[in-house]
Amino acid sequence: MNQPLTLDIVIVGVGGQGTLLASKIIGHLAVRLGYDVKVSEVHGMSQRGGSVITYLRLGTDVHAPLVEQQGADYILAFEQLEALRVLPYLKDTGCLIVNTQRILPLPVIIGAAEYPGDIISGFQDSGVDIIAANALSMAVEAGNQRAVNTVLLGILANKLPFEKEDWLAAIREVVPQRFADVNLTAFESGYSFSGR
């Protein structure tokens, strides 16, 4: 373990976007570096495009798996509306990293509800520390649209006090070998992303 540290992260997205793999990579990285890790997953109708939320806590001594409201240092959101749903978990000093992709939930698809207007601008206007990226197009450029998760991890990696090589090693150890190269490329894409 390099230094005393406590981090609370909320990862949210829609079933099938790879949120669970992202939490597994972060958890693996933290354990590899000697930190205590607790993870709690909440699955909605994840197989049908419902919400998936993962609470990930890591530090020198972590006792409980859930992140309290206004307790998250980082929110990693794979979709805009999902980011809006979990925003109450973000600390005042926390950072929201969000994929600009929109995935319409069933009520919107059937016309029973409307997708909210410009969510990203709303975050910015309210003073949230936000990094918004089109992680989907970055993943496609890397070779697989399903690598949105490792693009977002690359962006997050720039904010956390872990060495890039440790992240790359964790990806190699967790991601199935046949998908390793595209995920490493996607991570690099996120890691080099400089937009705000």
N, C-alpha and C. Protein backbone atom coordinates (compact mmCIF):
# COMPACT_ATOMS: atom_id res chain seq x y z
N MET A 1 0.85 -1.17 0.00
CA MET A 1 0.00 0.00 0.00
C MET A 1 0.90 1.23 0.00
N ASN A 2 0.61 2.14 -0.92
CA ASN A 2 1.46 3.31 -1.09
C ASN A 2 1.23 4.37 -0.02
N GLN A 3 -0.03 4.65 0.32
CA GLN A 3 -0.35 5.74 1.24
C GLN A 3 -1.73 5.53 1.81
N PRO A 4 -2.01 6.12 2.99
CA PRO A 4 -3.36 6.03 3.53
C PRO A 4 -4.34 6.68 2.56
N LEU A 5 -5.48 6.07 2.41
CA LEU A 5 -6.42 6.55 1.40
C LEU A 5 -7.81 6.02 1.72
N THR A 6 -8.81 6.84 1.47
CA THR A 6 -10.19 6.39 1.51
C THR A 6 -10.88 6.98 0.30
N LEU A 7 -11.53 6.14 -0.49
CA LEU A 7 -12.25 6.60 -1.68
C LEU A 7 -13.60 5.92 -1.74
N ASP A 8 -14.63 6.71 -1.99
CA ASP A 8 -15.98 6.19 -2.20
C ASP A 8 -16.38 6.53 -3.63
N ILE A 9 -16.75 5.49 -4.38
CA ILE A 9 -17.08 5.65 -5.80
C ILE A 9 -18.43 5.01 -6.07
N VAL A 10 -19.28 5.71 -6.81
CA VAL A 10 -20.54 5.16 -7.27
C VAL A 10 -20.44 5.01 -8.78
N ILE A 11 -20.72 3.80 -9.26
CA ILE A 11 -20.70 3.52 -10.69
C ILE A 11 -22.12 3.19 -11.11
N VAL A 12 -22.60 3.87 -12.14
CA VAL A 12 -23.99 3.67 -12.54
C VAL A 12 -24.11 3.62 -14.06
N GLY A 13 -25.03 2.81 -14.50
CA GLY A 13 -25.29 2.71 -15.94
C GLY A 13 -26.52 1.87 -16.18
N VAL A 14 -26.59 1.35 -17.38
CA VAL A 14 -27.72 0.54 -17.82
C VAL A 14 -27.18 -0.87 -18.05
N GLY A 15 -28.02 -1.85 -17.78
CA GLY A 15 -27.60 -3.24 -17.96
C GLY A 15 -26.96 -3.47 -19.32
N GLY A 16 -25.83 -4.14 -19.32
CA GLY A 16 -25.13 -4.45 -20.56
C GLY A 16 -24.03 -3.47 -20.92
N GLN A 17 -23.88 -2.39 -20.15
CA GLN A 17 -22.85 -1.39 -20.47
C GLN A 17 -21.48 -1.70 -19.86
N GLY A 18 -21.40 -2.70 -19.02
CA GLY A 18 -20.10 -3.06 -18.46
C GLY A 18 -19.76 -2.39 -17.15
N THR A 19 -20.77 -1.94 -16.42
CA THR A 19 -20.50 -1.28 -15.14
C THR A 19 -19.89 -2.25 -14.14
N LEU A 20 -20.35 -3.50 -14.16
CA LEU A 20 -19.85 -4.47 -13.19
C LEU A 20 -18.39 -4.81 -13.47
N LEU A 21 -18.03 -4.90 -14.73
CA LEU A 21 -16.63 -5.15 -15.08
C LEU A 21 -15.76 -3.97 -14.62
N ALA A 22 -16.26 -2.76 -14.79
CA ALA A 22 -15.51 -1.58 -14.34
C ALA A 22 -15.26 -1.65 -12.84
N SER A 23 -16.28 -2.01 -12.06
CA SER A 23 -16.10 -2.09 -10.61
C SER A 23 -15.14 -3.22 -10.25
N LYS A 24 -15.19 -4.30 -11.01
CA LYS A 24 -14.29 -5.42 -10.76
C LYS A 24 -12.83 -5.01 -11.01
N ILE A 25 -12.60 -4.22 -12.06
CA ILE A 25 -11.23 -3.76 -12.36
C ILE A 25 -10.72 -2.84 -11.25
N ILE A 26 -11.55 -1.89 -10.81
CA ILE A 26 -11.13 -0.98 -9.74
C ILE A 26 -10.86 -1.77 -8.46
N GLY A 27 -11.76 -2.69 -8.13
CA GLY A 27 -11.59 -3.50 -6.93
C GLY A 27 -10.32 -4.34 -6.99
N HIS A 28 -10.07 -4.93 -8.13
CA HIS A 28 -8.87 -5.76 -8.32
C HIS A 28 -7.61 -4.90 -8.16
N LEU A 29 -7.64 -3.72 -8.76
CA LEU A 29 -6.51 -2.80 -8.66
C LEU A 29 -6.24 -2.45 -7.19
N ALA A 30 -7.29 -2.12 -6.46
CA ALA A 30 -7.13 -1.72 -5.06
C ALA A 30 -6.58 -2.86 -4.21
N VAL A 31 -7.12 -4.06 -4.39
CA VAL A 31 -6.64 -5.22 -3.62
C VAL A 31 -5.18 -5.50 -3.97
N ARG A 32 -4.87 -5.40 -5.25
CA ARG A 32 -3.50 -5.61 -5.73
C ARG A 32 -2.51 -4.66 -5.04
N LEU A 33 -3.00 -3.44 -4.72
CA LEU A 33 -2.15 -2.44 -4.08
C LEU A 33 -2.24 -2.48 -2.55
N GLY A 34 -2.99 -3.45 -2.02
CA GLY A 34 -3.03 -3.65 -0.58
C GLY A 34 -4.13 -2.92 0.17
N TYR A 35 -5.09 -2.39 -0.54
CA TYR A 35 -6.20 -1.70 0.12
C TYR A 35 -7.34 -2.65 0.43
N ASP A 36 -8.12 -2.29 1.42
CA ASP A 36 -9.35 -2.99 1.76
C ASP A 36 -10.43 -2.48 0.80
N VAL A 37 -11.26 -3.38 0.29
CA VAL A 37 -12.28 -3.00 -0.68
C VAL A 37 -13.61 -3.63 -0.30
N LYS A 38 -14.67 -2.84 -0.39
CA LYS A 38 -16.03 -3.36 -0.22
C LYS A 38 -16.84 -2.90 -1.43
N VAL A 39 -17.61 -3.83 -2.00
CA VAL A 39 -18.42 -3.53 -3.18
C VAL A 39 -19.84 -4.02 -2.93
N SER A 40 -20.80 -3.19 -3.31
CA SER A 40 -22.21 -3.57 -3.23
C SER A 40 -22.87 -3.20 -4.55
N GLU A 41 -23.57 -4.17 -5.14
CA GLU A 41 -24.21 -3.93 -6.43
C GLU A 41 -25.73 -3.97 -6.27
N VAL A 42 -26.39 -3.04 -6.96
CA VAL A 42 -27.85 -3.01 -6.99
C VAL A 42 -28.27 -3.15 -8.44
N HIS A 43 -28.94 -4.23 -8.74
CA HIS A 43 -29.38 -4.48 -10.11
C HIS A 43 -30.86 -4.18 -10.22
N GLY A 44 -31.21 -3.36 -11.19
CA GLY A 44 -32.62 -3.19 -11.52
C GLY A 44 -32.96 -4.29 -12.51
N MET A 45 -33.64 -3.95 -13.56
CA MET A 45 -33.92 -4.92 -14.62
C MET A 45 -32.72 -4.90 -15.56
N SER A 46 -31.56 -5.27 -15.03
CA SER A 46 -30.31 -5.08 -15.76
C SER A 46 -30.27 -5.84 -17.08
N GLN A 47 -30.92 -6.97 -17.14
CA GLN A 47 -30.92 -7.73 -18.39
C GLN A 47 -31.81 -7.06 -19.44
N ARG A 48 -32.66 -6.15 -19.02
CA ARG A 48 -33.58 -5.48 -19.94
C ARG A 48 -33.29 -3.99 -20.06
N GLY A 49 -32.06 -3.61 -19.78
CA GLY A 49 -31.69 -2.21 -19.92
C GLY A 49 -32.01 -1.35 -18.72
N GLY A 50 -32.26 -1.97 -17.57
CA GLY A 50 -32.54 -1.22 -16.35
C GLY A 50 -31.28 -0.71 -15.69
N SER A 51 -31.45 0.06 -14.64
CA SER A 51 -30.33 0.64 -13.91
C SER A 51 -29.49 -0.41 -13.20
N VAL A 52 -28.19 -0.18 -13.21
CA VAL A 52 -27.25 -0.97 -12.42
C VAL A 52 -26.38 0.03 -11.67
N ILE A 53 -26.36 -0.09 -10.35
CA ILE A 53 -25.57 0.82 -9.52
C ILE A 53 -24.61 -0.03 -8.69
N THR A 54 -23.36 0.38 -8.67
CA THR A 54 -22.36 -0.27 -7.83
C THR A 54 -21.76 0.76 -6.89
N TYR A 55 -21.74 0.41 -5.62
CA TYR A 55 -21.07 1.23 -4.61
C TYR A 55 -19.72 0.57 -4.34
N LEU A 56 -18.66 1.32 -4.46
CA LEU A 56 -17.32 0.77 -4.27
C LEU A 56 -16.58 1.65 -3.27
N ARG A 57 -16.14 1.04 -2.20
CA ARG A 57 -15.41 1.77 -1.16
C ARG A 57 -14.05 1.10 -0.98
N LEU A 58 -13.02 1.92 -0.99
CA LEU A 58 -11.69 1.36 -0.78
C LEU A 58 -10.90 2.25 0.15
N GLY A 59 -10.01 1.63 0.89
CA GLY A 59 -9.20 2.39 1.83
C GLY A 59 -8.36 1.48 2.69
N THR A 60 -7.78 2.05 3.73
CA THR A 60 -6.94 1.24 4.60
C THR A 60 -7.76 0.31 5.48
N ASP A 61 -8.98 0.71 5.81
CA ASP A 61 -9.85 -0.13 6.65
C ASP A 61 -11.30 0.26 6.38
N VAL A 62 -11.98 -0.51 5.57
CA VAL A 62 -13.35 -0.19 5.16
C VAL A 62 -14.30 -1.15 5.87
N HIS A 63 -15.32 -0.61 6.53
CA HIS A 63 -16.22 -1.44 7.32
C HIS A 63 -17.56 -1.74 6.64
N ALA A 64 -18.06 -0.84 5.81
CA ALA A 64 -19.39 -1.03 5.22
C ALA A 64 -19.31 -0.82 3.71
N PRO A 65 -20.14 -1.52 2.95
CA PRO A 65 -20.06 -1.44 1.49
C PRO A 65 -20.84 -0.30 0.84
N LEU A 66 -21.80 0.27 1.53
CA LEU A 66 -22.66 1.26 0.88
C LEU A 66 -22.09 2.67 1.02
N VAL A 67 -22.24 3.44 -0.05
CA VAL A 67 -21.87 4.85 -0.04
C VAL A 67 -23.13 5.64 0.32
N GLU A 68 -23.00 6.54 1.27
CA GLU A 68 -24.15 7.35 1.68
C GLU A 68 -24.36 8.50 0.71
N GLN A 69 -25.57 9.07 0.73
CA GLN A 69 -25.81 10.26 -0.07
C GLN A 69 -24.83 11.35 0.37
N GLN A 70 -24.35 12.10 -0.61
CA GLN A 70 -23.31 13.13 -0.43
C GLN A 70 -22.01 12.53 0.12
N GLY A 71 -21.78 11.25 -0.19
CA GLY A 71 -20.58 10.59 0.31
C GLY A 71 -19.59 10.18 -0.77
N ALA A 72 -19.98 10.27 -2.04
CA ALA A 72 -19.12 9.77 -3.12
C ALA A 72 -18.08 10.81 -3.54
N ASP A 73 -16.83 10.36 -3.57
CA ASP A 73 -15.77 11.21 -4.10
C ASP A 73 -15.88 11.30 -5.62
N TYR A 74 -16.33 10.20 -6.23
CA TYR A 74 -16.49 10.14 -7.69
C TYR A 74 -17.75 9.39 -8.04
N ILE A 75 -18.43 9.88 -9.06
CA ILE A 75 -19.50 9.11 -9.70
C ILE A 75 -19.02 8.86 -11.12
N LEU A 76 -19.06 7.60 -11.52
CA LEU A 76 -18.71 7.19 -12.87
C LEU A 76 -20.02 6.77 -13.53
N ALA A 77 -20.55 7.63 -14.40
CA ALA A 77 -21.87 7.41 -14.99
C ALA A 77 -21.75 7.05 -16.47
N PHE A 78 -22.34 5.93 -16.84
CA PHE A 78 -22.24 5.42 -18.20
C PHE A 78 -23.32 5.99 -19.11
N GLU A 79 -24.24 6.78 -18.53
CA GLU A 79 -25.37 7.33 -19.30
C GLU A 79 -25.88 8.56 -18.56
N GLN A 80 -26.34 9.57 -19.30
CA GLN A 80 -26.71 10.86 -18.71
C GLN A 80 -27.83 10.78 -17.67
N LEU A 81 -28.92 10.13 -18.01
CA LEU A 81 -30.06 10.08 -17.10
C LEU A 81 -29.70 9.32 -15.82
N GLU A 82 -28.88 8.28 -15.97
CA GLU A 82 -28.43 7.54 -14.79
C GLU A 82 -27.57 8.43 -13.90
N ALA A 83 -26.78 9.31 -14.52
CA ALA A 83 -25.97 10.27 -13.74
C ALA A 83 -26.89 11.18 -12.92
N LEU A 84 -27.96 11.63 -13.55
CA LEU A 84 -28.91 12.51 -12.87
C LEU A 84 -29.55 11.80 -11.68
N ARG A 85 -29.86 10.53 -11.85
CA ARG A 85 -30.51 9.76 -10.77
C ARG A 85 -29.63 9.63 -9.53
N VAL A 86 -28.31 9.48 -9.74
CA VAL A 86 -27.43 9.24 -8.59
C VAL A 86 -26.68 10.48 -8.12
N LEU A 87 -26.94 11.62 -8.73
CA LEU A 87 -26.23 12.84 -8.36
C LEU A 87 -26.29 13.14 -6.85
N PRO A 88 -27.39 12.83 -6.15
CA PRO A 88 -27.42 13.10 -4.71
C PRO A 88 -26.31 12.39 -3.91
N TYR A 89 -25.68 11.40 -4.51
CA TYR A 89 -24.60 10.69 -3.81
C TYR A 89 -23.27 11.45 -3.85
N LEU A 90 -23.14 12.43 -4.73
CA LEU A 90 -21.87 13.11 -4.93
C LEU A 90 -21.60 14.10 -3.80
N LYS A 91 -20.38 14.06 -3.25
CA LYS A 91 -19.95 15.06 -2.27
C LYS A 91 -19.89 16.42 -2.93
N ASP A 92 -19.95 17.47 -2.14
CA ASP A 92 -19.78 18.82 -2.68
C ASP A 92 -18.43 18.98 -3.37
N THR A 93 -17.43 18.27 -2.86
CA THR A 93 -16.08 18.33 -3.43
C THR A 93 -15.81 17.20 -4.41
N GLY A 94 -16.83 16.41 -4.72
CA GLY A 94 -16.66 15.25 -5.59
C GLY A 94 -16.67 15.61 -7.06
N CYS A 95 -16.39 14.61 -7.89
CA CYS A 95 -16.32 14.79 -9.34
C CYS A 95 -17.22 13.78 -10.04
N LEU A 96 -18.00 14.27 -10.97
CA LEU A 96 -18.87 13.44 -11.80
C LEU A 96 -18.20 13.22 -13.15
N ILE A 97 -17.97 11.97 -13.51
CA ILE A 97 -17.43 11.61 -14.82
C ILE A 97 -18.57 10.92 -15.56
N VAL A 98 -19.00 11.52 -16.67
CA VAL A 98 -20.21 11.01 -17.34
C VAL A 98 -20.00 10.82 -18.83
N ASN A 99 -20.50 9.69 -19.31
CA ASN A 99 -20.56 9.41 -20.74
C ASN A 99 -21.76 10.19 -21.28
N THR A 100 -21.59 10.90 -22.38
CA THR A 100 -22.68 11.73 -22.92
C THR A 100 -23.76 10.93 -23.64
N GLN A 101 -23.59 9.63 -23.71
CA GLN A 101 -24.57 8.77 -24.39
C GLN A 101 -25.93 8.84 -23.69
N ARG A 102 -26.99 8.76 -24.53
CA ARG A 102 -28.36 8.67 -24.01
C ARG A 102 -28.93 7.31 -24.40
N ILE A 103 -29.43 6.60 -23.41
CA ILE A 103 -30.13 5.34 -23.66
C ILE A 103 -31.55 5.54 -23.13
N LEU A 104 -32.50 5.48 -24.02
CA LEU A 104 -33.88 5.78 -23.64
C LEU A 104 -34.47 4.67 -22.79
N PRO A 105 -34.99 5.00 -21.60
CA PRO A 105 -35.66 3.98 -20.79
C PRO A 105 -37.03 3.66 -21.38
N LEU A 106 -37.59 2.54 -20.98
CA LEU A 106 -38.86 2.07 -21.53
C LEU A 106 -39.98 3.10 -21.48
N PRO A 107 -40.18 3.83 -20.35
CA PRO A 107 -41.26 4.82 -20.34
C PRO A 107 -41.12 5.88 -21.44
N VAL A 108 -39.89 6.24 -21.78
CA VAL A 108 -39.66 7.20 -22.86
C VAL A 108 -39.95 6.55 -24.20
N ILE A 109 -39.51 5.32 -24.38
CA ILE A 109 -39.72 4.60 -25.64
C ILE A 109 -41.21 4.46 -25.95
N ILE A 110 -42.02 4.16 -24.93
CA ILE A 110 -43.46 3.96 -25.17
C ILE A 110 -44.26 5.26 -25.11
N GLY A 111 -43.58 6.38 -24.87
CA GLY A 111 -44.24 7.67 -24.90
C GLY A 111 -44.89 8.08 -23.59
N ALA A 112 -44.66 7.35 -22.51
CA ALA A 112 -45.26 7.67 -21.21
C ALA A 112 -44.46 8.73 -20.45
N ALA A 113 -43.25 9.03 -20.92
CA ALA A 113 -42.41 10.03 -20.26
C ALA A 113 -41.49 10.65 -21.31
N GLU A 114 -40.89 11.77 -20.94
CA GLU A 114 -39.94 12.43 -21.84
C GLU A 114 -38.55 12.36 -21.22
N TYR A 115 -37.57 12.19 -22.08
CA TYR A 115 -36.18 12.23 -21.61
C TYR A 115 -35.89 13.68 -21.26
N PRO A 116 -35.28 13.95 -20.10
CA PRO A 116 -35.01 15.34 -19.70
C PRO A 116 -34.17 16.09 -20.74
N GLY A 117 -34.27 17.41 -20.72
CA GLY A 117 -33.55 18.26 -21.67
C GLY A 117 -32.05 18.11 -21.55
N ASP A 118 -31.34 19.19 -21.57
CA ASP A 118 -29.88 19.16 -21.59
C ASP A 118 -29.33 18.89 -20.19
N ILE A 119 -29.15 17.64 -19.88
CA ILE A 119 -28.70 17.22 -18.55
C ILE A 119 -27.29 17.72 -18.26
N ILE A 120 -26.39 17.58 -19.22
CA ILE A 120 -24.99 17.97 -19.01
C ILE A 120 -24.89 19.46 -18.67
N SER A 121 -25.59 20.30 -19.43
CA SER A 121 -25.57 21.74 -19.13
C SER A 121 -26.14 22.03 -17.75
N GLY A 122 -27.16 21.28 -17.38
CA GLY A 122 -27.75 21.43 -16.05
C GLY A 122 -26.74 21.16 -14.95
N PHE A 123 -25.93 20.10 -15.14
CA PHE A 123 -24.88 19.81 -14.18
C PHE A 123 -23.89 20.97 -14.10
N GLN A 124 -23.47 21.44 -15.27
CA GLN A 124 -22.48 22.51 -15.33
C GLN A 124 -23.02 23.79 -14.70
N ASP A 125 -24.28 24.12 -14.99
CA ASP A 125 -24.90 25.33 -14.46
C ASP A 125 -25.04 25.29 -12.94
N SER A 126 -25.19 24.07 -12.39
CA SER A 126 -25.37 23.97 -10.94
C SER A 126 -24.04 23.87 -10.20
N GLY A 127 -22.94 23.98 -10.93
CA GLY A 127 -21.63 24.02 -10.29
C GLY A 127 -21.00 22.68 -9.98
N VAL A 128 -21.55 21.60 -10.53
CA VAL A 128 -20.98 20.27 -10.32
C VAL A 128 -19.64 20.18 -11.04
N ASP A 129 -18.64 19.62 -10.37
CA ASP A 129 -17.36 19.35 -11.02
C ASP A 129 -17.59 18.16 -11.94
N ILE A 130 -17.63 18.40 -13.24
CA ILE A 130 -18.02 17.37 -14.19
C ILE A 130 -17.00 17.22 -15.32
N ILE A 131 -16.77 15.98 -15.68
CA ILE A 131 -16.02 15.67 -16.89
C ILE A 131 -16.98 14.87 -17.76
N ALA A 132 -17.38 15.45 -18.87
CA ALA A 132 -18.31 14.79 -19.80
C ALA A 132 -17.54 14.38 -21.05
N ALA A 133 -17.71 13.12 -21.45
CA ALA A 133 -16.99 12.61 -22.62
C ALA A 133 -17.89 11.73 -23.44
N ASN A 134 -17.72 11.77 -24.75
CA ASN A 134 -18.43 10.84 -25.62
C ASN A 134 -17.65 9.52 -25.62
N ALA A 135 -17.79 8.79 -24.53
CA ALA A 135 -17.04 7.56 -24.33
C ALA A 135 -17.44 6.49 -25.35
N LEU A 136 -18.68 6.56 -25.84
CA LEU A 136 -19.11 5.58 -26.84
C LEU A 136 -18.30 5.73 -28.12
N SER A 137 -18.15 6.95 -28.63
CA SER A 137 -17.39 7.12 -29.87
C SER A 137 -15.92 6.79 -29.64
N MET A 138 -15.39 7.07 -28.45
CA MET A 138 -14.00 6.72 -28.14
C MET A 138 -13.83 5.20 -28.11
N ALA A 139 -14.83 4.50 -27.58
CA ALA A 139 -14.77 3.03 -27.55
C ALA A 139 -14.84 2.46 -28.96
N VAL A 140 -15.71 3.03 -29.80
CA VAL A 140 -15.81 2.57 -31.19
C VAL A 140 -14.47 2.77 -31.89
N GLU A 141 -13.86 3.92 -31.68
CA GLU A 141 -12.54 4.18 -32.27
C GLU A 141 -11.50 3.19 -31.79
N ALA A 142 -11.62 2.76 -30.53
CA ALA A 142 -10.68 1.80 -29.97
C ALA A 142 -10.90 0.39 -30.52
N GLY A 143 -12.08 0.17 -31.11
CA GLY A 143 -12.32 -1.13 -31.74
C GLY A 143 -13.52 -1.90 -31.25
N ASN A 144 -14.23 -1.39 -30.22
CA ASN A 144 -15.40 -2.12 -29.74
C ASN A 144 -16.27 -1.19 -28.90
N GLN A 145 -17.52 -1.00 -29.32
CA GLN A 145 -18.41 -0.09 -28.60
C GLN A 145 -18.67 -0.52 -27.17
N ARG A 146 -18.40 -1.76 -26.85
CA ARG A 146 -18.62 -2.24 -25.48
C ARG A 146 -17.49 -1.84 -24.53
N ALA A 147 -16.48 -1.16 -25.04
CA ALA A 147 -15.34 -0.76 -24.20
C ALA A 147 -15.55 0.62 -23.59
N VAL A 148 -16.79 1.09 -23.55
CA VAL A 148 -17.11 2.36 -22.88
C VAL A 148 -16.58 2.34 -21.44
N ASN A 149 -16.72 1.18 -20.80
CA ASN A 149 -16.30 1.08 -19.40
C ASN A 149 -14.82 1.38 -19.21
N THR A 150 -13.97 0.86 -20.09
CA THR A 150 -12.54 1.11 -19.90
C THR A 150 -12.14 2.50 -20.37
N VAL A 151 -12.90 3.10 -21.28
CA VAL A 151 -12.67 4.52 -21.61
C VAL A 151 -12.90 5.36 -20.35
N LEU A 152 -14.03 5.14 -19.69
CA LEU A 152 -14.36 5.90 -18.48
C LEU A 152 -13.35 5.63 -17.36
N LEU A 153 -12.88 4.39 -17.26
CA LEU A 153 -11.85 4.08 -16.26
C LEU A 153 -10.57 4.86 -16.55
N GLY A 154 -10.24 5.03 -17.82
CA GLY A 154 -9.06 5.81 -18.19
C GLY A 154 -9.18 7.25 -17.72
N ILE A 155 -10.38 7.82 -17.87
CA ILE A 155 -10.61 9.19 -17.40
C ILE A 155 -10.50 9.26 -15.88
N LEU A 156 -11.12 8.29 -15.20
CA LEU A 156 -11.06 8.24 -13.74
C LEU A 156 -9.62 8.07 -13.25
N ALA A 157 -8.84 7.26 -13.97
CA ALA A 157 -7.46 6.97 -13.56
C ALA A 157 -6.62 8.23 -13.42
N ASN A 158 -6.92 9.25 -14.23
CA ASN A 158 -6.20 10.51 -14.13
C ASN A 158 -6.47 11.25 -12.83
N LYS A 159 -7.56 10.91 -12.17
CA LYS A 159 -7.95 11.60 -10.94
C LYS A 159 -7.47 10.87 -9.68
N LEU A 160 -7.15 9.59 -9.81
CA LEU A 160 -6.82 8.78 -8.64
C LEU A 160 -5.31 8.62 -8.49
N PRO A 161 -4.85 8.40 -7.25
CA PRO A 161 -3.41 8.35 -6.99
C PRO A 161 -2.78 6.98 -7.22
N PHE A 162 -3.15 6.33 -8.33
CA PHE A 162 -2.57 5.04 -8.67
C PHE A 162 -1.79 5.17 -9.97
N GLU A 163 -0.72 4.41 -10.09
CA GLU A 163 0.10 4.47 -11.29
C GLU A 163 -0.63 3.87 -12.49
N LYS A 164 -0.39 4.47 -13.63
CA LYS A 164 -1.01 3.99 -14.87
C LYS A 164 -0.69 2.52 -15.10
N GLU A 165 0.53 2.10 -14.85
CA GLU A 165 0.93 0.71 -15.07
C GLU A 165 0.12 -0.26 -14.21
N ASP A 166 -0.27 0.19 -13.00
CA ASP A 166 -1.10 -0.66 -12.14
C ASP A 166 -2.49 -0.84 -12.73
N TRP A 167 -3.03 0.23 -13.31
CA TRP A 167 -4.33 0.13 -14.00
C TRP A 167 -4.24 -0.85 -15.16
N LEU A 168 -3.20 -0.71 -15.98
CA LEU A 168 -3.05 -1.58 -17.15
C LEU A 168 -2.92 -3.04 -16.72
N ALA A 169 -2.17 -3.27 -15.65
CA ALA A 169 -2.01 -4.64 -15.15
C ALA A 169 -3.35 -5.20 -14.67
N ALA A 170 -4.14 -4.38 -13.97
CA ALA A 170 -5.45 -4.83 -13.48
C ALA A 170 -6.37 -5.17 -14.64
N ILE A 171 -6.35 -4.36 -15.70
CA ILE A 171 -7.18 -4.66 -16.88
C ILE A 171 -6.75 -5.98 -17.50
N ARG A 172 -5.45 -6.18 -17.65
CA ARG A 172 -4.95 -7.44 -18.24
C ARG A 172 -5.35 -8.64 -17.40
N GLU A 173 -5.39 -8.48 -16.08
CA GLU A 173 -5.70 -9.59 -15.18
C GLU A 173 -7.19 -9.88 -15.07
N VAL A 174 -8.03 -8.89 -15.31
CA VAL A 174 -9.47 -9.06 -15.11
C VAL A 174 -10.22 -9.32 -16.43
N VAL A 175 -9.85 -8.60 -17.48
CA VAL A 175 -10.56 -8.71 -18.76
C VAL A 175 -10.13 -10.00 -19.47
N PRO A 176 -11.08 -10.76 -20.03
CA PRO A 176 -10.70 -11.96 -20.79
C PRO A 176 -9.66 -11.61 -21.87
N GLN A 177 -8.69 -12.50 -22.04
CA GLN A 177 -7.54 -12.22 -22.89
C GLN A 177 -7.93 -11.78 -24.31
N ARG A 178 -8.99 -12.38 -24.87
CA ARG A 178 -9.36 -12.03 -26.25
C ARG A 178 -9.86 -10.60 -26.38
N PHE A 179 -10.24 -9.97 -25.25
CA PHE A 179 -10.71 -8.58 -25.28
C PHE A 179 -9.70 -7.61 -24.68
N ALA A 180 -8.56 -8.12 -24.25
CA ALA A 180 -7.61 -7.28 -23.52
C ALA A 180 -7.09 -6.12 -24.37
N ASP A 181 -6.68 -6.39 -25.60
CA ASP A 181 -6.07 -5.32 -26.42
C ASP A 181 -7.02 -4.16 -26.65
N VAL A 182 -8.27 -4.45 -27.00
CA VAL A 182 -9.22 -3.36 -27.28
C VAL A 182 -9.51 -2.58 -26.00
N ASN A 183 -9.56 -3.27 -24.86
CA ASN A 183 -9.81 -2.57 -23.60
C ASN A 183 -8.62 -1.73 -23.17
N LEU A 184 -7.42 -2.21 -23.43
CA LEU A 184 -6.24 -1.42 -23.12
C LEU A 184 -6.18 -0.18 -24.00
N THR A 185 -6.55 -0.33 -25.27
CA THR A 185 -6.59 0.82 -26.19
C THR A 185 -7.65 1.82 -25.74
N ALA A 186 -8.82 1.31 -25.33
CA ALA A 186 -9.91 2.18 -24.85
C ALA A 186 -9.48 2.91 -23.58
N PHE A 187 -8.81 2.22 -22.68
CA PHE A 187 -8.31 2.86 -21.46
C PHE A 187 -7.36 4.00 -21.81
N GLU A 188 -6.44 3.74 -22.73
CA GLU A 188 -5.48 4.77 -23.15
C GLU A 188 -6.20 5.98 -23.72
N SER A 189 -7.27 5.72 -24.47
CA SER A 189 -8.06 6.81 -25.05
C SER A 189 -8.67 7.69 -23.95
N GLY A 190 -9.23 7.04 -22.94
CA GLY A 190 -9.78 7.80 -21.82
C GLY A 190 -8.71 8.50 -21.01
N TYR A 191 -7.59 7.82 -20.83
CA TYR A 191 -6.50 8.37 -20.03
C TYR A 191 -5.94 9.64 -20.65
N SER A 192 -5.93 9.70 -21.98
CA SER A 192 -5.39 10.87 -22.67
C SER A 192 -6.44 11.93 -22.95
N PHE A 193 -7.71 11.67 -22.55
CA PHE A 193 -8.79 12.64 -22.78
C PHE A 193 -8.56 13.87 -21.94
N SER A 194 -8.62 15.03 -22.58
CA SER A 194 -8.32 16.26 -21.85
C SER A 194 -9.53 17.19 -21.73
N GLY A 195 -10.67 16.78 -22.27
CA GLY A 195 -11.85 17.66 -22.24
C GLY A 195 -12.44 17.78 -20.86
N ARG A 196 -13.21 18.81 -20.66
CA ARG A 196 -13.93 19.04 -19.41
C ARG A 196 -15.38 19.23 -19.72
